[in-house]
Amino acid sequence: MSDEITWLSTAVAADRLGITPRTLYRFIDEGHLAAYKFGRVIRLKQLDVDAYIESCRVEPGSMSHLYPETAGSGE
Protein backbone atom coordinates (compact mmCIF):
# COMPACT_ATOMS: atom_id res chain seq x y z
CA MET A 1 0.00 0.00 0.00
CA SER A 2 1.40 3.34 -1.05
CA ASP A 3 1.14 6.47 1.10
CA GLU A 4 1.77 8.66 -1.95
CA ILE A 5 -0.77 11.47 -2.38
CA THR A 6 -2.22 12.21 -5.79
CA TRP A 7 -2.87 15.95 -5.98
CA LEU A 8 -5.44 17.47 -8.33
CA SER A 9 -5.54 21.02 -9.61
CA THR A 10 -8.78 22.90 -9.15
CA ALA A 11 -9.47 22.61 -12.89
CA VAL A 12 -9.01 18.83 -12.86
CA ALA A 13 -11.03 18.41 -9.65
CA ALA A 14 -13.88 20.53 -11.04
CA ASP A 15 -13.85 18.51 -14.26
CA ARG A 16 -13.84 15.24 -12.30
CA LEU A 17 -16.90 16.46 -10.35
CA GLY A 18 -18.61 17.83 -13.46
CA ILE A 19 -18.88 21.34 -12.01
CA THR A 20 -17.39 24.74 -12.78
CA PRO A 21 -14.28 25.94 -10.95
CA ARG A 22 -16.43 28.67 -9.34
CA THR A 23 -18.73 26.01 -7.84
CA LEU A 24 -15.68 24.06 -6.66
CA TYR A 25 -14.36 27.14 -4.84
CA ARG A 26 -17.77 27.54 -3.19
CA PHE A 27 -17.71 23.89 -2.07
CA ILE A 28 -14.23 24.45 -0.61
CA ASP A 29 -15.26 27.71 1.10
CA GLU A 30 -18.38 26.07 2.59
CA GLY A 31 -16.32 23.16 3.93
CA HIS A 32 -17.74 20.45 1.67
CA LEU A 33 -14.30 19.67 0.23
CA ALA A 34 -10.88 19.91 1.81
CA ALA A 35 -8.29 21.88 -0.14
CA TYR A 36 -4.68 22.84 0.46
CA LYS A 37 -2.93 26.05 -0.50
CA PHE A 38 0.74 25.87 -1.45
CA GLY A 39 1.82 29.45 -2.06
CA ARG A 40 -0.67 30.73 -4.63
CA VAL A 41 -1.71 27.25 -5.79
CA ILE A 42 -4.74 25.37 -4.46
CA ARG A 43 -4.70 21.58 -4.67
CA LEU A 44 -7.10 18.82 -3.64
CA LYS A 45 -6.34 15.22 -2.76
CA GLN A 46 -7.80 12.79 -5.26
CA LEU A 47 -8.96 10.57 -2.38
CA ASP A 48 -10.91 13.50 -0.88
CA VAL A 49 -12.57 14.26 -4.20
CA ASP A 50 -13.46 10.58 -4.71
CA ALA A 51 -14.85 10.37 -1.16
CA TYR A 52 -16.98 13.46 -1.82
CA ILE A 53 -18.34 11.87 -4.99
CA GLU A 54 -19.33 8.76 -3.02
CA SER A 55 -20.95 10.87 -0.28
CA CYS A 56 -23.23 12.41 -2.92
CA ARG A 57 -24.61 9.06 -4.02
CA VAL A 58 -28.41 9.09 -4.30
CA GLU A 59 -30.13 6.42 -2.23
CA PRO A 60 -32.82 4.40 -4.04
CA GLY A 61 -36.30 5.56 -3.12
CA SER A 62 -35.20 9.05 -2.11
CA MET A 63 -36.25 10.91 -5.26
CA SER A 64 -40.00 10.31 -5.40
CA HIS A 65 -40.55 13.98 -4.54
CA LEU A 66 -39.19 14.83 -8.00
CA TYR A 67 -41.97 12.97 -9.83
CA PRO A 68 -45.12 13.32 -7.75
CA GLU A 69 -48.26 11.50 -8.84
CA THR A 70 -50.71 13.91 -10.45
CA ALA A 71 -54.14 14.01 -8.84
CA GLY A 72 -56.87 12.52 -11.00
CA SER A 73 -54.50 10.91 -13.48
CA GLY A 74 -56.86 7.93 -13.72
CA GLU A 75 -54.16 5.36 -13.12
C-alpha atoms as a PDB file:
ATOM      1  CA  MET A   1       0.000   0.000   0.000  1.00  0.00           C
ATOM      2  CA  SER A   2       1.397   3.341  -1.049  1.00  0.00           C
ATOM      3  CA  ASP A   3       1.140   6.470   1.095  1.00  0.00           C
ATOM      4  CA  GLU A   4       1.773   8.659  -1.946  1.00  0.00           C
ATOM      5  CA  ILE A   5      -0.767  11.465  -2.379  1.00  0.00           C
ATOM      6  CA  THR A   6      -2.220  12.215  -5.793  1.00  0.00           C
ATOM      7  CA  TRP A   7      -2.868  15.950  -5.982  1.00  0.00           C
ATOM      8  CA  LEU A   8      -5.442  17.465  -8.330  1.00  0.00           C
ATOM      9  CA  SER A   9      -5.537  21.016  -9.606  1.00  0.00           C
ATOM     10  CA  THR A  10      -8.784  22.898  -9.149  1.00  0.00           C
ATOM     11  CA  ALA A  11      -9.474  22.610 -12.894  1.00  0.00           C
ATOM     12  CA  VAL A  12      -9.008  18.827 -12.859  1.00  0.00           C
ATOM     13  CA  ALA A  13     -11.027  18.413  -9.645  1.00  0.00           C
ATOM     14  CA  ALA A  14     -13.876  20.532 -11.040  1.00  0.00           C
ATOM     15  CA  ASP A  15     -13.849  18.512 -14.258  1.00  0.00           C
ATOM     16  CA  ARG A  16     -13.843  15.237 -12.302  1.00  0.00           C
ATOM     17  CA  LEU A  17     -16.898  16.459 -10.352  1.00  0.00           C
ATOM     18  CA  GLY A  18     -18.612  17.832 -13.460  1.00  0.00           C
ATOM     19  CA  ILE A  19     -18.879  21.343 -12.010  1.00  0.00           C
ATOM     20  CA  THR A  20     -17.393  24.735 -12.779  1.00  0.00           C
ATOM     21  CA  PRO A  21     -14.280  25.940 -10.949  1.00  0.00           C
ATOM     22  CA  ARG A  22     -16.429  28.665  -9.344  1.00  0.00           C
ATOM     23  CA  THR A  23     -18.726  26.010  -7.836  1.00  0.00           C
ATOM     24  CA  LEU A  24     -15.680  24.058  -6.661  1.00  0.00           C
ATOM     25  CA  TYR A  25     -14.358  27.140  -4.844  1.00  0.00           C
ATOM     26  CA  ARG A  26     -17.766  27.543  -3.185  1.00  0.00           C
ATOM     27  CA  PHE A  27     -17.713  23.887  -2.069  1.00  0.00           C
ATOM     28  CA  ILE A  28     -14.231  24.453  -0.615  1.00  0.00           C
ATOM     29  CA  ASP A  29     -15.261  27.707   1.097  1.00  0.00           C
ATOM     30  CA  GLU A  30     -18.383  26.072   2.589  1.00  0.00           C
ATOM     31  CA  GLY A  31     -16.319  23.158   3.934  1.00  0.00           C
ATOM     32  CA  HIS A  32     -17.742  20.449   1.673  1.00  0.00           C
ATOM     33  CA  LEU A  33     -14.301  19.672   0.226  1.00  0.00           C
ATOM     34  CA  ALA A  34     -10.877  19.909   1.810  1.00  0.00           C
ATOM     35  CA  ALA A  35      -8.292  21.882  -0.139  1.00  0.00           C
ATOM     36  CA  TYR A  36      -4.680  22.839   0.458  1.00  0.00           C
ATOM     37  CA  LYS A  37      -2.932  26.051  -0.500  1.00  0.00           C
ATOM     38  CA  PHE A  38       0.736  25.874  -1.446  1.00  0.00           C
ATOM     39  CA  GLY A  39       1.824  29.445  -2.062  1.00  0.00           C
ATOM     40  CA  ARG A  40      -0.671  30.728  -4.631  1.00  0.00           C
ATOM     41  CA  VAL A  41      -1.709  27.250  -5.792  1.00  0.00           C
ATOM     42  CA  ILE A  42      -4.743  25.365  -4.465  1.00  0.00           C
ATOM     43  CA  ARG A  43      -4.702  21.577  -4.669  1.00  0.00           C
ATOM     44  CA  LEU A  44      -7.100  18.821  -3.636  1.00  0.00           C
ATOM     45  CA  LYS A  45      -6.339  15.218  -2.758  1.00  0.00           C
ATOM     46  CA  GLN A  46      -7.804  12.786  -5.260  1.00  0.00           C
ATOM     47  CA  LEU A  47      -8.956  10.571  -2.375  1.00  0.00           C
ATOM     48  CA  ASP A  48     -10.914  13.497  -0.877  1.00  0.00           C
ATOM     49  CA  VAL A  49     -12.574  14.257  -4.204  1.00  0.00           C
ATOM     50  CA  ASP A  50     -13.461  10.579  -4.713  1.00  0.00           C
ATOM     51  CA  ALA A  51     -14.855  10.366  -1.158  1.00  0.00           C
ATOM     52  CA  TYR A  52     -16.983  13.460  -1.822  1.00  0.00           C
ATOM     53  CA  ILE A  53     -18.342  11.870  -4.986  1.00  0.00           C
ATOM     54  CA  GLU A  54     -19.329   8.760  -3.019  1.00  0.00           C
ATOM     55  CA  SER A  55     -20.948  10.872  -0.283  1.00  0.00           C
ATOM     56  CA  CYS A  56     -23.231  12.410  -2.916  1.00  0.00           C
ATOM     57  CA  ARG A  57     -24.614   9.060  -4.024  1.00  0.00           C
ATOM     58  CA  VAL A  58     -28.412   9.085  -4.305  1.00  0.00           C
ATOM     59  CA  GLU A  59     -30.128   6.418  -2.232  1.00  0.00           C
ATOM     60  CA  PRO A  60     -32.818   4.404  -4.044  1.00  0.00           C
ATOM     61  CA  GLY A  61     -36.298   5.560  -3.119  1.00  0.00           C
ATOM     62  CA  SER A  62     -35.200   9.054  -2.111  1.00  0.00           C
ATOM     63  CA  MET A  63     -36.246  10.906  -5.262  1.00  0.00           C
ATOM     64  CA  SER A  64     -39.996  10.313  -5.404  1.00  0.00           C
ATOM     65  CA  HIS A  65     -40.551  13.981  -4.545  1.00  0.00           C
ATOM     66  CA  LEU A  66     -39.193  14.832  -8.001  1.00  0.00           C
ATOM     67  CA  TYR A  67     -41.967  12.967  -9.828  1.00  0.00           C
ATOM     68  CA  PRO A  68     -45.124  13.317  -7.753  1.00  0.00           C
ATOM     69  CA  GLU A  69     -48.262  11.502  -8.841  1.00  0.00           C
ATOM     70  CA  THR A  70     -50.706  13.912 -10.448  1.00  0.00           C
ATOM     71  CA  ALA A  71     -54.142  14.007  -8.841  1.00  0.00           C
ATOM     72  CA  GLY A  72     -56.872  12.519 -11.004  1.00  0.00           C
ATOM     73  CA  SER A  73     -54.496  10.907 -13.485  1.00  0.00           C
ATOM     74  CA  GLY A  74     -56.856   7.932 -13.717  1.00  0.00           C
ATOM     75  CA  GLU A  75     -54.160   5.355 -13.118  1.00  0.00           C
END
